């Protein structure tokens, strides 16, 4: 099991996504690797990844973006 401190100031993951072609739709499978411990978790789809992240970091509603300034990608 991936042990993450949800109160840490910095957490780093390597995210890998692979498209699985289906008969009616494509599905993206995901692996998430903790860069500190090298622990790898696999997710069958993006929804389960989002649920894991929301639960781990105590996010109330992972489907709703935060304010535009917080959710906009950083260019640094």
PDB file of N, CA and C in Angstrom:
ATOM      1  N   UNK A   1       0.842  -1.184   0.000  1.00  0.00           N
ATOM      2  CA  UNK A   1       0.000   0.000   0.000  1.00  0.00           C
ATOM      3  C   UNK A   1       0.880   1.237   0.000  1.00  0.00           C
ATOM      4  N   UNK A   2       0.471   2.226  -0.724  1.00  0.00           N
ATOM      5  CA  UNK A   2       1.196   3.487  -0.817  1.00  0.00           C
ATOM      6  C   UNK A   2       0.928   4.309   0.438  1.00  0.00           C
ATOM      7  N   UNK A   3       1.984   4.658   1.136  1.00  0.00           N
ATOM      8  CA  UNK A   3       1.850   5.447   2.353  1.00  0.00           C
ATOM      9  C   UNK A   3       2.197   6.897   2.031  1.00  0.00           C
ATOM     10  N   UNK A   4       1.202   7.754   2.053  1.00  0.00           N
ATOM     11  CA  UNK A   4       1.394   9.161   1.732  1.00  0.00           C
ATOM     12  C   UNK A   4       0.971   9.990   2.928  1.00  0.00           C
ATOM     13  N   UNK A   5       1.781  10.962   3.270  1.00  0.00           N
ATOM     14  CA  UNK A   5       1.406  11.896   4.318  1.00  0.00           C
ATOM     15  C   UNK A   5       0.588  13.004   3.662  1.00  0.00           C
ATOM     16  N   UNK A   6      -0.733  13.026   3.853  1.00  0.00           N
ATOM     17  CA  UNK A   6      -1.569  14.021   3.186  1.00  0.00           C
ATOM     18  C   UNK A   6      -1.325  15.437   3.670  1.00  0.00           C
ATOM     19  N   UNK A   7      -0.555  15.594   4.739  1.00  0.00           N
ATOM     20  CA  UNK A   7      -0.256  16.924   5.275  1.00  0.00           C
ATOM     21  C   UNK A   7       1.144  17.396   4.888  1.00  0.00           C
ATOM     22  N   UNK A   8       1.840  16.596   4.091  1.00  0.00           N
ATOM     23  CA  UNK A   8       3.181  16.977   3.654  1.00  0.00           C
ATOM     24  C   UNK A   8       3.101  18.198   2.749  1.00  0.00           C
ATOM     25  N   UNK A   9       4.160  18.957   2.735  1.00  0.00           N
ATOM     26  CA  UNK A   9       4.208  20.137   1.874  1.00  0.00           C
ATOM     27  C   UNK A   9       4.527  19.785   0.433  1.00  0.00           C
ATOM     28  N   UNK A  10       5.074  18.606   0.210  1.00  0.00           N
ATOM     29  CA  UNK A  10       5.460  18.203  -1.144  1.00  0.00           C
ATOM     30  C   UNK A  10       5.342  16.693  -1.277  1.00  0.00           C
ATOM     31  N   UNK A  11       4.705  16.241  -2.328  1.00  0.00           N
ATOM     32  CA  UNK A  11       4.594  14.821  -2.648  1.00  0.00           C
ATOM     33  C   UNK A  11       4.846  14.693  -4.142  1.00  0.00           C
ATOM     34  N   UNK A  12       5.605  13.690  -4.532  1.00  0.00           N
ATOM     35  CA  UNK A  12       5.952  13.539  -5.937  1.00  0.00           C
ATOM     36  C   UNK A  12       5.595  12.142  -6.434  1.00  0.00           C
ATOM     37  N   UNK A  13       4.931  12.100  -7.590  1.00  0.00           N
ATOM     38  CA  UNK A  13       4.556  10.843  -8.214  1.00  0.00           C
ATOM     39  C   UNK A  13       4.975  10.848  -9.681  1.00  0.00           C
ATOM     40  N   UNK A  14       5.237   9.681 -10.201  1.00  0.00           N
ATOM     41  CA  UNK A  14       5.403   9.493 -11.626  1.00  0.00           C
ATOM     42  C   UNK A  14       4.106   8.863 -12.117  1.00  0.00           C
ATOM     43  N   UNK A  15       3.461   9.519 -13.053  1.00  0.00           N
ATOM     44  CA  UNK A  15       2.174   9.063 -13.577  1.00  0.00           C
ATOM     45  C   UNK A  15       2.397   8.495 -14.970  1.00  0.00           C
ATOM     46  N   UNK A  16       1.938   7.265 -15.192  1.00  0.00           N
ATOM     47  CA  UNK A  16       2.020   6.640 -16.513  1.00  0.00           C
ATOM     48  C   UNK A  16       0.615   6.245 -16.930  1.00  0.00           C
ATOM     49  N   UNK A  17       0.279   6.555 -18.177  1.00  0.00           N
ATOM     50  CA  UNK A  17      -1.049   6.227 -18.695  1.00  0.00           C
ATOM     51  C   UNK A  17      -0.903   5.415 -19.973  1.00  0.00           C
ATOM     52  N   UNK A  18      -1.785   4.431 -20.129  1.00  0.00           N
ATOM     53  CA  UNK A  18      -1.769   3.591 -21.324  1.00  0.00           C
ATOM     54  C   UNK A  18      -3.192   3.446 -21.831  1.00  0.00           C
ATOM     55  N   UNK A  19      -3.371   3.688 -23.123  1.00  0.00           N
ATOM     56  CA  UNK A  19      -4.692   3.550 -23.722  1.00  0.00           C
ATOM     57  C   UNK A  19      -4.933   2.089 -24.102  1.00  0.00           C
ATOM     58  N   UNK A  20      -6.071   1.566 -23.649  1.00  0.00           N
ATOM     59  CA  UNK A  20      -6.498   0.219 -24.001  1.00  0.00           C
ATOM     60  C   UNK A  20      -7.676   0.384 -24.945  1.00  0.00           C
ATOM     61  N   UNK A  21      -7.514  -0.080 -26.154  1.00  0.00           N
ATOM     62  CA  UNK A  21      -8.564   0.068 -27.161  1.00  0.00           C
ATOM     63  C   UNK A  21      -9.665  -0.964 -26.914  1.00  0.00           C
ATOM     64  N   UNK A  22     -10.880  -0.470 -26.805  1.00  0.00           N
ATOM     65  CA  UNK A  22     -12.028  -1.339 -26.592  1.00  0.00           C
ATOM     66  C   UNK A  22     -12.911  -1.372 -27.820  1.00  0.00           C
ATOM     67  N   UNK A  23     -13.878  -2.257 -27.810  1.00  0.00           N
ATOM     68  CA  UNK A  23     -14.795  -2.368 -28.948  1.00  0.00           C
ATOM     69  C   UNK A  23     -15.650  -1.120 -29.097  1.00  0.00           C
ATOM     70  N   UNK A  24     -16.140  -0.593 -27.986  1.00  0.00           N
ATOM     71  CA  UNK A  24     -17.017   0.571 -28.063  1.00  0.00           C
ATOM     72  C   UNK A  24     -16.325   1.865 -27.627  1.00  0.00           C
ATOM     73  N   UNK A  25     -15.294   1.763 -26.795  1.00  0.00           N
ATOM     74  CA  UNK A  25     -14.595   2.963 -26.331  1.00  0.00           C
ATOM     75  C   UNK A  25     -13.200   2.598 -25.838  1.00  0.00           C
ATOM     76  N   UNK A  26     -12.317   3.557 -25.874  1.00  0.00           N
ATOM     77  CA  UNK A  26     -10.985   3.370 -25.332  1.00  0.00           C
ATOM     78  C   UNK A  26     -11.003   3.671 -23.830  1.00  0.00           C
ATOM     79  N   UNK A  27     -10.152   2.976 -23.102  1.00  0.00           N
ATOM     80  CA  UNK A  27     -10.023   3.190 -21.663  1.00  0.00           C
ATOM     81  C   UNK A  27      -8.556   3.482 -21.373  1.00  0.00           C
ATOM     82  N   UNK A  28      -8.310   4.465 -20.505  1.00  0.00           N
ATOM     83  CA  UNK A  28      -6.954   4.757 -20.074  1.00  0.00           C
ATOM     84  C   UNK A  28      -6.693   4.058 -18.753  1.00  0.00           C
ATOM     85  N   UNK A  29      -5.678   3.186 -18.719  1.00  0.00           N
ATOM     86  CA  UNK A  29      -5.238   2.594 -17.462  1.00  0.00           C
ATOM     87  C   UNK A  29      -4.079   3.442 -16.939  1.00  0.00           C
ATOM     88  N   UNK A  30      -3.898   3.421 -15.628  1.00  0.00           N
ATOM     89  CA  UNK A  30      -2.947   4.335 -15.004  1.00  0.00           C
ATOM     90  C   UNK A  30      -2.088   3.604 -13.986  1.00  0.00           C
ATOM     91  N   UNK A  31      -0.795   3.948 -13.944  1.00  0.00           N
ATOM     92  CA  UNK A  31       0.055   3.550 -12.830  1.00  0.00           C
ATOM     93  C   UNK A  31       0.596   4.819 -12.194  1.00  0.00           C
ATOM     94  N   UNK A  32       0.707   4.772 -10.886  1.00  0.00           N
ATOM     95  CA  UNK A  32       1.184   5.900 -10.103  1.00  0.00           C
ATOM     96  C   UNK A  32       2.335   5.385  -9.249  1.00  0.00           C
ATOM     97  N   UNK A  33       3.519   5.980  -9.399  1.00  0.00           N
ATOM     98  CA  UNK A  33       4.694   5.533  -8.658  1.00  0.00           C
ATOM     99  C   UNK A  33       5.165   6.641  -7.721  1.00  0.00           C
ATOM    100  N   UNK A  34       5.299   6.295  -6.456  1.00  0.00           N
ATOM    101  CA  UNK A  34       5.840   7.226  -5.473  1.00  0.00           C
ATOM    102  C   UNK A  34       7.337   7.354  -5.765  1.00  0.00           C
ATOM    103  N   UNK A  35       7.809   8.566  -6.044  1.00  0.00           N
ATOM    104  CA  UNK A  35       9.214   8.746  -6.405  1.00  0.00           C
ATOM    105  C   UNK A  35      10.156   8.567  -5.221  1.00  0.00           C
ATOM    106  N   UNK A  36       9.632   8.632  -4.005  1.00  0.00           N
ATOM    107  CA  UNK A  36      10.463   8.452  -2.819  1.00  0.00           C
ATOM    108  C   UNK A  36      10.661   6.972  -2.504  1.00  0.00           C
ATOM    109  N   UNK A  37       9.570   6.202  -2.538  1.00  0.00           N
ATOM    110  CA  UNK A  37       9.631   4.791  -2.135  1.00  0.00           C
ATOM    111  C   UNK A  37       9.641   3.820  -3.309  1.00  0.00           C
ATOM    112  N   UNK A  38       9.349   4.315  -4.507  1.00  0.00           N
ATOM    113  CA  UNK A  38       9.249   3.505  -5.727  1.00  0.00           C
ATOM    114  C   UNK A  38       8.039   2.566  -5.720  1.00  0.00           C
ATOM    115  N   UNK A  39       7.143   2.723  -4.759  1.00  0.00           N
ATOM    116  CA  UNK A  39       5.925   1.923  -4.707  1.00  0.00           C
ATOM    117  C   UNK A  39       5.040   2.283  -5.896  1.00  0.00           C
ATOM    118  N   UNK A  40       4.486   1.258  -6.557  1.00  0.00           N
ATOM    119  CA  UNK A  40       3.650   1.471  -7.738  1.00  0.00           C
ATOM    120  C   UNK A  40       2.238   0.975  -7.463  1.00  0.00           C
ATOM    121  N   UNK A  41       1.268   1.808  -7.781  1.00  0.00           N
ATOM    122  CA  UNK A  41      -0.139   1.412  -7.721  1.00  0.00           C
ATOM    123  C   UNK A  41      -0.701   1.438  -9.134  1.00  0.00           C
ATOM    124  N   UNK A  42      -1.576   0.494  -9.431  1.00  0.00           N
ATOM    125  CA  UNK A  42      -2.217   0.430 -10.748  1.00  0.00           C
ATOM    126  C   UNK A  42      -3.704   0.710 -10.605  1.00  0.00           C
ATOM    127  N   UNK A  43      -4.232   1.441 -11.576  1.00  0.00           N
ATOM    128  CA  UNK A  43      -5.647   1.799 -11.588  1.00  0.00           C
ATOM    129  C   UNK A  43      -6.237   1.396 -12.938  1.00  0.00           C
ATOM    130  N   UNK A  44      -7.426   0.784 -12.936  1.00  0.00           N
ATOM    131  CA  UNK A  44      -8.023   0.323 -14.198  1.00  0.00           C
ATOM    132  C   UNK A  44      -8.552   1.448 -15.073  1.00  0.00           C
ATOM    133  N   UNK A  45      -8.733   2.643 -14.475  1.00  0.00           N
ATOM    134  CA  UNK A  45      -9.246   3.777 -15.246  1.00  0.00           C
ATOM    135  C   UNK A  45      -8.965   5.078 -14.495  1.00  0.00           C
ATOM    136  N   UNK A  46      -9.223   6.194 -15.153  1.00  0.00           N
ATOM    137  CA  UNK A  46      -8.951   7.496 -14.554  1.00  0.00           C
ATOM    138  C   UNK A  46      -9.835   7.779 -13.345  1.00  0.00           C
ATOM    139  N   UNK A  47     -11.060   7.295 -13.373  1.00  0.00           N
ATOM    140  CA  UNK A  47     -11.979   7.535 -12.258  1.00  0.00           C
ATOM    141  C   UNK A  47     -11.449   6.970 -10.952  1.00  0.00           C
ATOM    142  N   UNK A  48     -10.900   5.770 -10.992  1.00  0.00           N
ATOM    143  CA  UNK A  48     -10.384   5.175  -9.758  1.00  0.00           C
ATOM    144  C   UNK A  48      -9.133   5.914  -9.267  1.00  0.00           C
ATOM    145  N   UNK A  49      -8.335   6.436 -10.197  1.00  0.00           N
ATOM    146  CA  UNK A  49      -7.191   7.259  -9.792  1.00  0.00           C
ATOM    147  C   UNK A  49      -7.669   8.508  -9.069  1.00  0.00           C
ATOM    148  N   UNK A  50      -8.664   9.188  -9.623  1.00  0.00           N
ATOM    149  CA  UNK A  50      -9.178  10.407  -8.994  1.00  0.00           C
ATOM    150  C   UNK A  50      -9.777  10.123  -7.617  1.00  0.00           C
ATOM    151  N   UNK A  51     -10.467   9.009  -7.484  1.00  0.00           N
ATOM    152  CA  UNK A  51     -11.030   8.636  -6.180  1.00  0.00           C
ATOM    153  C   UNK A  51      -9.906   8.393  -5.177  1.00  0.00           C
ATOM    154  N   UNK A  52      -8.864   7.687  -5.602  1.00  0.00           N
ATOM    155  CA  UNK A  52      -7.722   7.443  -4.721  1.00  0.00           C
ATOM    156  C   UNK A  52      -7.089   8.757  -4.272  1.00  0.00           C
ATOM    157  N   UNK A  53      -6.825   9.669  -5.208  1.00  0.00           N
ATOM    158  CA  UNK A  53      -6.195  10.944  -4.861  1.00  0.00           C
ATOM    159  C   UNK A  53      -7.094  11.775  -3.948  1.00  0.00           C
ATOM    160  N   UNK A  54      -8.390  11.818  -4.244  1.00  0.00           N
ATOM    161  CA  UNK A  54      -9.314  12.590  -3.421  1.00  0.00           C
ATOM    162  C   UNK A  54      -9.378  12.034  -2.007  1.00  0.00           C
ATOM    163  N   UNK A  55      -9.387  10.729  -1.875  1.00  0.00           N
ATOM    164  CA  UNK A  55      -9.435  10.086  -0.563  1.00  0.00           C
ATOM    165  C   UNK A  55      -8.123  10.291   0.195  1.00  0.00           C
ATOM    166  N   UNK A  56      -7.022  10.103  -0.484  1.00  0.00           N
ATOM    167  CA  UNK A  56      -5.710  10.222   0.147  1.00  0.00           C
ATOM    168  C   UNK A  56      -5.440  11.635   0.650  1.00  0.00           C
ATOM    169  N   UNK A  57      -5.837  12.622  -0.156  1.00  0.00           N
ATOM    170  CA  UNK A  57      -5.535  14.004   0.198  1.00  0.00           C
ATOM    171  C   UNK A  57      -6.755  14.753   0.734  1.00  0.00           C
ATOM    172  N   UNK A  58      -7.778  14.009   1.133  1.00  0.00           N
ATOM    173  CA  UNK A  58      -8.963  14.575   1.781  1.00  0.00           C
ATOM    174  C   UNK A  58      -9.622  15.684   0.965  1.00  0.00           C
ATOM    175  N   UNK A  59      -9.764  15.440  -0.322  1.00  0.00           N
ATOM    176  CA  UNK A  59     -10.455  16.388  -1.187  1.00  0.00           C
ATOM    177  C   UNK A  59     -11.928  16.024  -1.170  1.00  0.00           C
ATOM    178  N   UNK A  60     -12.795  17.006  -0.894  1.00  0.00           N
ATOM    179  CA  UNK A  60     -14.220  16.710  -0.748  1.00  0.00           C
ATOM    180  C   UNK A  60     -14.877  16.323  -2.065  1.00  0.00           C
ATOM    181  N   UNK A  61     -14.593  17.048  -3.140  1.00  0.00           N
ATOM    182  CA  UNK A  61     -15.238  16.758  -4.416  1.00  0.00           C
ATOM    183  C   UNK A  61     -14.214  16.868  -5.538  1.00  0.00           C
ATOM    184  N   UNK A  62     -13.653  15.739  -5.936  1.00  0.00           N
ATOM    185  CA  UNK A  62     -12.587  15.725  -6.937  1.00  0.00           C
ATOM    186  C   UNK A  62     -13.097  16.028  -8.340  1.00  0.00           C
ATOM    187  N   UNK A  63     -14.400  16.007  -8.537  1.00  0.00           N
ATOM    188  CA  UNK A  63     -14.928  16.245  -9.878  1.00  0.00           C
ATOM    189  C   UNK A  63     -15.109  17.720 -10.178  1.00  0.00           C
ATOM    190  N   UNK A  64     -15.094  18.559  -9.160  1.00  0.00           N
ATOM    191  CA  UNK A  64     -15.286  19.994  -9.354  1.00  0.00           C
ATOM    192  C   UNK A  64     -13.944  20.708  -9.257  1.00  0.00           C
ATOM    193  N   UNK A  65     -13.560  21.465 -10.299  1.00  0.00           N
ATOM    194  CA  UNK A  65     -12.288  22.184 -10.227  1.00  0.00           C
ATOM    195  C   UNK A  65     -12.340  23.270  -9.167  1.00  0.00           C
ATOM    196  N   UNK A  66     -11.196  23.546  -8.582  1.00  0.00           N
ATOM    197  CA  UNK A  66     -11.106  24.654  -7.635  1.00  0.00           C
ATOM    198  C   UNK A  66     -11.129  25.951  -8.439  1.00  0.00           C
ATOM    199  N   UNK A  67     -10.806  27.040  -7.818  1.00  0.00           N
ATOM    200  CA  UNK A  67     -10.816  28.303  -8.539  1.00  0.00           C
ATOM    201  C   UNK A  67      -9.857  28.230  -9.715  1.00  0.00           C
ATOM    202  N   UNK A  68     -10.108  29.017 -10.741  1.00  0.00           N
ATOM    203  CA  UNK A  68      -9.299  28.972 -11.959  1.00  0.00           C
ATOM    204  C   UNK A  68      -7.826  29.208 -11.668  1.00  0.00           C
ATOM    205  N   UNK A  69      -7.521  30.086 -10.741  1.00  0.00           N
ATOM    206  CA  UNK A  69      -6.115  30.364 -10.440  1.00  0.00           C
ATOM    207  C   UNK A  69      -5.425  29.164  -9.803  1.00  0.00           C
ATOM    208  N   UNK A  70      -6.152  28.358  -9.045  1.00  0.00           N
ATOM    209  CA  UNK A  70      -5.553  27.190  -8.417  1.00  0.00           C
ATOM    210  C   UNK A  70      -5.441  26.031  -9.382  1.00  0.00           C
ATOM    211  N   UNK A  71      -6.363  25.893 -10.317  1.00  0.00           N
ATOM    212  CA  UNK A  71      -6.372  24.726 -11.186  1.00  0.00           C
ATOM    213  C   UNK A  71      -5.634  24.945 -12.499  1.00  0.00           C
ATOM    214  N   UNK A  72      -5.263  26.185 -12.808  1.00  0.00           N
ATOM    215  CA  UNK A  72      -4.543  26.460 -14.036  1.00  0.00           C
ATOM    216  C   UNK A  72      -3.130  25.885 -13.936  1.00  0.00           C
ATOM    217  N   UNK A  73      -2.619  25.318 -15.032  1.00  0.00           N
ATOM    218  CA  UNK A  73      -1.273  24.753 -14.990  1.00  0.00           C
ATOM    219  C   UNK A  73      -0.224  25.830 -14.740  1.00  0.00           C
ATOM    220  N   UNK A  74       0.801  25.438 -14.043  1.00  0.00           N
ATOM    221  CA  UNK A  74       1.901  26.357 -13.754  1.00  0.00           C
ATOM    222  C   UNK A  74       2.900  26.344 -14.897  1.00  0.00           C
ATOM    223  N   UNK A  75       3.489  27.475 -15.188  1.00  0.00           N
ATOM    224  CA  UNK A  75       4.489  27.548 -16.255  1.00  0.00           C
ATOM    225  C   UNK A  75       5.897  27.658 -15.704  1.00  0.00           C
ATOM    226  N   UNK A  76       6.059  27.381 -14.417  1.00  0.00           N
ATOM    227  CA  UNK A  76       7.399  27.526 -13.824  1.00  0.00           C
ATOM    228  C   UNK A  76       8.268  26.323 -14.079  1.00  0.00           C
TER     229      UNK A  76
END
